[in-house]
Amino acid sequence: MTGATVVFGILAGVAATVTMDVLGSVFRRAGITEGAKGQWVGRWYLGIARGKFVHSNIAVVPEQAGEKRAALIGHYVIGIVLSVLYLAGADQLGVPADGFFVALGYGLASTVFPWLLVLPALGVGFLGLKGPPELKMFTTSLLNHLSYGFGLWWIAKVLRLG
């Protein structure tokens, strides 16, 4: 992995995560998605730092100072790391980083993290199926991560990373 890959990965990760956030906001306002509460994810990150990875119900865990900040920082760090891996992987596989379906497919593949790791660890089950139905966790994860892939695609086009 080159230094340029890391630099472009950081830029692309921030841009793709911003895209995810903006489109996620549009989807929420349209009533299509809702998702886990941001503070729950921050609470989970802070719990991991204290050695607690899995919760039976993160909603009943007492609030912790800094959980919203932890959620935001963790969200962007993960977006950056996934972007660096995307660019390095695209290079290694010889596929264009600015390929629309490549980027969208990567975004779709990244739903494995919330569906199989984060949501169960929050106590809402595999794919978020045990969570409150009004939070639409499955749909929210799917659309948010497709939005992330869309953001990877457009920033790769802008940065001419194909």
Protein backbone atom coordinates (compact mmCIF):
# COMPACT_ATOMS: atom_id res chain seq x y z
CA MET A 1 0.00 0.00 0.00
CA THR A 2 1.45 3.34 -1.03
CA GLY A 3 1.36 6.62 0.83
CA ALA A 4 -0.83 8.00 -1.95
CA THR A 5 -3.34 5.22 -1.33
CA VAL A 6 -3.52 6.19 2.33
CA VAL A 7 -3.89 9.92 1.57
CA PHE A 8 -6.54 9.32 -1.10
CA GLY A 9 -8.17 6.78 1.22
CA ILE A 10 -8.47 9.37 3.99
CA LEU A 11 -10.00 11.92 1.62
CA ALA A 12 -12.31 9.33 0.07
CA GLY A 13 -13.28 7.95 3.48
CA VAL A 14 -14.30 11.34 4.80
CA ALA A 15 -16.19 12.18 1.59
CA ALA A 16 -17.96 8.80 1.45
CA THR A 17 -18.92 9.02 5.12
CA VAL A 18 -20.26 12.55 4.63
CA THR A 19 -22.25 11.24 1.65
CA MET A 20 -23.60 8.46 3.85
CA ASP A 21 -24.61 10.98 6.51
CA VAL A 22 -26.24 13.41 4.08
CA LEU A 23 -28.20 10.74 2.21
CA GLY A 24 -29.05 9.06 5.52
CA SER A 25 -30.56 12.34 6.68
CA VAL A 26 -32.59 12.57 3.46
CA PHE A 27 -33.85 8.98 3.94
CA ARG A 28 -34.78 9.69 7.59
CA ARG A 29 -36.67 12.86 6.67
CA ALA A 30 -38.54 10.92 3.99
CA GLY A 31 -39.49 8.29 6.61
CA ILE A 32 -37.65 5.51 4.76
CA THR A 33 -35.06 4.86 7.48
CA GLU A 34 -34.42 5.57 11.13
CA GLY A 35 -31.63 3.38 12.57
CA ALA A 36 -29.97 2.79 15.88
CA LYS A 37 -29.53 5.86 18.02
CA GLY A 38 -26.10 7.44 17.55
CA GLN A 39 -25.56 7.61 21.27
CA TRP A 40 -26.09 3.83 21.48
CA VAL A 41 -23.19 3.26 19.11
CA GLY A 42 -21.04 5.71 21.06
CA ARG A 43 -22.04 3.96 24.28
CA TRP A 44 -21.03 0.66 22.66
CA TYR A 45 -17.62 2.06 21.60
CA LEU A 46 -17.02 3.36 25.11
CA GLY A 47 -18.08 -0.01 26.50
CA ILE A 48 -15.57 -1.76 24.25
CA ALA A 49 -12.85 0.51 25.64
CA ARG A 50 -13.87 -0.75 29.11
CA GLY A 51 -13.88 -4.41 28.04
CA LYS A 52 -17.63 -4.87 27.42
CA PHE A 53 -18.31 -5.86 23.79
CA VAL A 54 -21.80 -7.41 23.86
CA HIS A 55 -24.86 -5.92 25.53
CA SER A 56 -28.25 -7.54 26.02
CA ASN A 57 -29.92 -4.15 25.44
CA ILE A 58 -27.75 -1.08 24.89
CA ALA A 59 -30.77 1.19 25.35
CA VAL A 60 -30.89 0.41 29.09
CA VAL A 61 -27.16 0.87 29.66
CA PRO A 62 -26.67 4.14 31.55
CA GLU A 63 -25.61 7.13 29.45
CA GLN A 64 -21.91 7.91 29.45
CA ALA A 65 -20.16 11.22 29.02
CA GLY A 66 -18.85 11.66 25.49
CA GLU A 67 -20.89 8.94 23.82
CA LYS A 68 -22.09 11.17 20.97
CA ARG A 69 -18.54 12.34 20.32
CA ALA A 70 -17.31 8.72 20.44
CA ALA A 71 -20.00 7.73 17.94
CA LEU A 72 -19.02 10.49 15.51
CA ILE A 73 -15.28 9.84 15.76
CA GLY A 74 -15.74 6.08 15.46
CA HIS A 75 -18.07 6.51 12.47
CA TYR A 76 -15.51 8.58 10.55
CA VAL A 77 -12.52 6.43 11.55
CA ILE A 78 -14.33 3.33 10.28
CA GLY A 79 -15.30 5.15 7.08
CA ILE A 80 -11.66 6.10 6.50
CA VAL A 81 -10.30 2.62 7.24
CA LEU A 82 -12.86 1.00 4.94
CA SER A 83 -11.98 3.48 2.21
CA VAL A 84 -8.23 2.83 2.47
CA LEU A 85 -8.96 -0.92 2.29
CA TYR A 86 -11.24 -0.32 -0.70
CA LEU A 87 -8.61 1.60 -2.64
CA ALA A 88 -5.85 -0.85 -1.77
CA GLY A 89 -8.08 -3.81 -2.64
CA ALA A 90 -9.21 -2.30 -5.93
CA ASP A 91 -5.58 -1.73 -6.85
CA GLN A 92 -4.56 -5.28 -5.90
CA LEU A 93 -7.48 -6.82 -7.78
CA GLY A 94 -7.02 -4.59 -10.80
CA VAL A 95 -10.56 -3.25 -10.69
CA PRO A 96 -11.33 0.43 -11.18
CA ALA A 97 -11.90 2.25 -7.89
CA ASP A 98 -14.24 4.56 -9.77
CA GLY A 99 -16.37 1.71 -11.08
CA PHE A 100 -19.97 2.41 -10.09
CA PHE A 101 -20.94 -1.20 -9.41
CA VAL A 102 -17.59 -1.97 -7.78
CA ALA A 103 -18.06 0.87 -5.28
CA LEU A 104 -21.75 0.14 -4.72
CA GLY A 105 -20.95 -3.55 -4.23
CA TYR A 106 -18.31 -2.66 -1.67
CA GLY A 107 -20.79 -0.45 0.15
CA LEU A 108 -23.31 -3.29 0.10
CA ALA A 109 -20.68 -5.74 1.37
CA SER A 110 -19.86 -3.39 4.23
CA THR A 111 -23.35 -3.98 5.66
CA VAL A 112 -21.90 -7.19 7.06
CA PHE A 113 -20.45 -5.12 9.91
CA PRO A 114 -23.68 -3.66 11.29
CA TRP A 115 -25.81 -6.70 10.44
CA LEU A 116 -23.53 -9.36 11.89
CA LEU A 117 -21.44 -7.46 14.41
CA VAL A 118 -22.72 -4.08 15.62
CA LEU A 119 -26.46 -4.72 15.84
CA PRO A 120 -26.09 -8.08 17.65
CA ALA A 121 -23.55 -6.48 20.01
CA LEU A 122 -26.07 -3.71 20.78
CA GLY A 123 -28.57 -6.40 21.76
CA VAL A 124 -30.94 -6.00 18.81
CA GLY A 125 -30.01 -9.29 17.15
CA PHE A 126 -28.83 -10.56 13.80
CA LEU A 127 -29.67 -7.97 11.10
CA GLY A 128 -31.26 -5.86 13.87
CA LEU A 129 -34.37 -8.05 13.70
CA LYS A 130 -34.96 -7.93 17.47
CA GLY A 131 -34.80 -4.16 17.58
CA PRO A 132 -37.81 -1.89 17.73
CA PRO A 133 -39.52 -2.13 14.30
CA GLU A 134 -39.91 1.64 14.09
CA LEU A 135 -36.09 1.95 13.94
CA LYS A 136 -35.98 0.05 10.61
CA MET A 137 -32.45 -1.15 11.39
CA PHE A 138 -32.11 -3.58 8.48
CA THR A 139 -33.28 -1.05 5.88
CA THR A 140 -31.31 1.77 7.46
CA SER A 141 -28.05 -0.21 7.42
CA LEU A 142 -28.63 -1.29 3.84
CA LEU A 143 -29.38 2.18 2.48
CA ASN A 144 -26.69 3.91 4.54
CA HIS A 145 -24.00 1.52 3.36
CA LEU A 146 -25.13 1.73 -0.25
CA SER A 147 -24.87 5.50 0.20
CA TYR A 148 -21.32 5.03 1.47
CA GLY A 149 -20.52 3.02 -1.67
CA PHE A 150 -22.08 5.76 -3.79
CA GLY A 151 -19.86 8.27 -2.00
CA LEU A 152 -16.78 6.14 -2.73
CA TRP A 153 -17.75 6.05 -6.39
CA TRP A 154 -18.28 9.78 -6.81
CA ILE A 155 -15.15 10.81 -4.91
CA ALA A 156 -13.09 8.27 -6.87
CA LYS A 157 -14.46 9.95 -10.02
CA VAL A 158 -13.63 13.41 -8.68
CA LEU A 159 -10.11 12.36 -7.63
CA ARG A 160 -9.70 10.36 -10.87
CA LEU A 161 -8.80 7.17 -9.04
CA GLY A 162 -10.01 4.84 -11.81
